[in-house]
C-alpha atoms as a PDB file:
ATOM      1  CA  MET A   1       0.209  -0.016   0.140  1.00  0.00           C
ATOM      2  CA  ALA A   2       1.702   3.249  -0.919  1.00  0.00           C
ATOM      3  CA  LYS A   3       1.818   5.831   1.535  1.00  0.00           C
ATOM      4  CA  GLN A   4      -0.603   8.957   1.336  1.00  0.00           C
ATOM      5  CA  GLU A   5       1.272  12.143   1.230  1.00  0.00           C
ATOM      6  CA  ILE A   6      -0.298  14.593   3.702  1.00  0.00           C
ATOM      7  CA  ASP A   7      -1.916  17.896   2.272  1.00  0.00           C
ATOM      8  CA  LEU A   8      -0.120  20.883   4.443  1.00  0.00           C
ATOM      9  CA  PHE A   9      -3.075  23.012   3.608  1.00  0.00           C
ATOM     10  CA  ASP A  10      -5.564  21.051   5.825  1.00  0.00           C
ATOM     11  CA  GLN A  11      -3.197  20.941   8.460  1.00  0.00           C
ATOM     12  CA  GLU A  12      -3.122  23.108  11.560  1.00  0.00           C
ATOM     13  CA  TRP A  13      -1.602  26.615  10.999  1.00  0.00           C
ATOM     14  CA  LEU A  14       1.276  28.205  13.329  1.00  0.00           C
ATOM     15  CA  GLU A  15       2.954  30.964  12.052  1.00  0.00           C
ATOM     16  CA  ASP A  16       4.367  32.520   8.643  1.00  0.00           C
ATOM     17  CA  SER A  17       7.894  33.255   8.127  1.00  0.00           C
ATOM     18  CA  LYS A  18       8.468  36.882   7.943  1.00  0.00           C
ATOM     19  CA  THR A  19       7.419  37.989   4.636  1.00  0.00           C
ATOM     20  CA  GLY A  20       4.609  35.418   4.748  1.00  0.00           C
ATOM     21  CA  LYS A  21       5.919  33.011   1.654  1.00  0.00           C
ATOM     22  CA  PHE A  22       6.116  30.060   3.927  1.00  0.00           C
ATOM     23  CA  SER A  23       3.752  28.728   6.696  1.00  0.00           C
ATOM     24  CA  ARG A  24       4.648  26.550   9.955  1.00  0.00           C
ATOM     25  CA  VAL A  25       2.093  23.971  10.122  1.00  0.00           C
ATOM     26  CA  ALA A  26       1.539  21.304  12.571  1.00  0.00           C
ATOM     27  CA  ILE A  27       2.132  17.408  11.151  1.00  0.00           C
ATOM     28  CA  GLY A  28       1.727  15.841  14.746  1.00  0.00           C
ATOM     29  CA  ALA A  29       1.344  16.346  18.326  1.00  0.00           C
ATOM     30  CA  GLU A  30       4.728  17.218  18.475  1.00  0.00           C
ATOM     31  CA  ASP A  31       5.856  17.700  15.079  1.00  0.00           C
ATOM     32  CA  SER A  32       5.499  20.744  12.501  1.00  0.00           C
ATOM     33  CA  THR A  33       7.100  21.786   8.942  1.00  0.00           C
ATOM     34  CA  TRP A  34       7.695  24.781   6.900  1.00  0.00           C
ATOM     35  CA  ARG A  35       5.299  25.063   3.684  1.00  0.00           C
ATOM     36  CA  CYS A  36       5.954  27.151   0.870  1.00  0.00           C
ATOM     37  CA  ASN A  37       2.841  29.012   0.407  1.00  0.00           C
ATOM     38  CA  ASN A  38       3.361  29.621  -3.558  1.00  0.00           C
ATOM     39  CA  CYS A  39       3.271  25.333  -4.337  1.00  0.00           C
ATOM     40  CA  GLY A  40       2.846  24.110  -1.020  1.00  0.00           C
ATOM     41  CA  ALA A  41       5.789  21.862  -0.758  1.00  0.00           C
ATOM     42  CA  GLY A  42       6.821  20.827   2.977  1.00  0.00           C
ATOM     43  CA  ASP A  43      10.164  20.612   4.327  1.00  0.00           C
ATOM     44  CA  ALA A  44      10.615  24.298   3.112  1.00  0.00           C
ATOM     45  CA  ASP A  45      13.870  25.948   4.657  1.00  0.00           C
ATOM     46  CA  PRO A  46      12.259  29.810   4.633  1.00  0.00           C
ATOM     47  CA  HIS A  47      15.883  31.162   6.482  1.00  0.00           C
ATOM     48  CA  GLU A  48      18.536  29.354   4.192  1.00  0.00           C
ATOM     49  CA  HIS A  49      17.167  27.608   0.867  1.00  0.00           C
ATOM     50  CA  GLY A  50      13.752  28.807   0.297  1.00  0.00           C
ATOM     51  CA  CYS A  51      11.661  25.762  -1.477  1.00  0.00           C
ATOM     52  CA  GLN A  52      13.659  23.141  -4.098  1.00  0.00           C
ATOM     53  CA  SER A  53      10.201  22.286  -5.658  1.00  0.00           C
ATOM     54  CA  CYS A  54       9.444  25.676  -7.146  1.00  0.00           C
ATOM     55  CA  GLY A  55      12.646  27.910  -6.625  1.00  0.00           C
ATOM     56  CA  GLU A  56      10.739  30.247  -4.288  1.00  0.00           C
ATOM     57  CA  GLU A  57      13.793  32.465  -2.486  1.00  0.00           C
ATOM     58  CA  PRO A  58      13.763  32.496   1.057  1.00  0.00           C
ATOM     59  CA  ASP A  59      13.090  35.059   3.615  1.00  0.00           C
ATOM     60  CA  TRP A  60      16.476  37.363   4.292  1.00  0.00           C
ATOM     61  CA  TYR A  61      16.591  37.649   8.210  1.00  0.00           C
END
């Protein structure tokens, strides 16, 4: 059976990045991930790498 991916737009919102291009969402009781608000990809890095899926640039802190 294939593992079903989590729809990160349906998860509990926790915070937005400085520019709002990324959102941190809960993916479990103790876990969270950064989501790219442009394409919806998880494991985005708003601080250094941005989104590897769509090329969204990181926030500059």
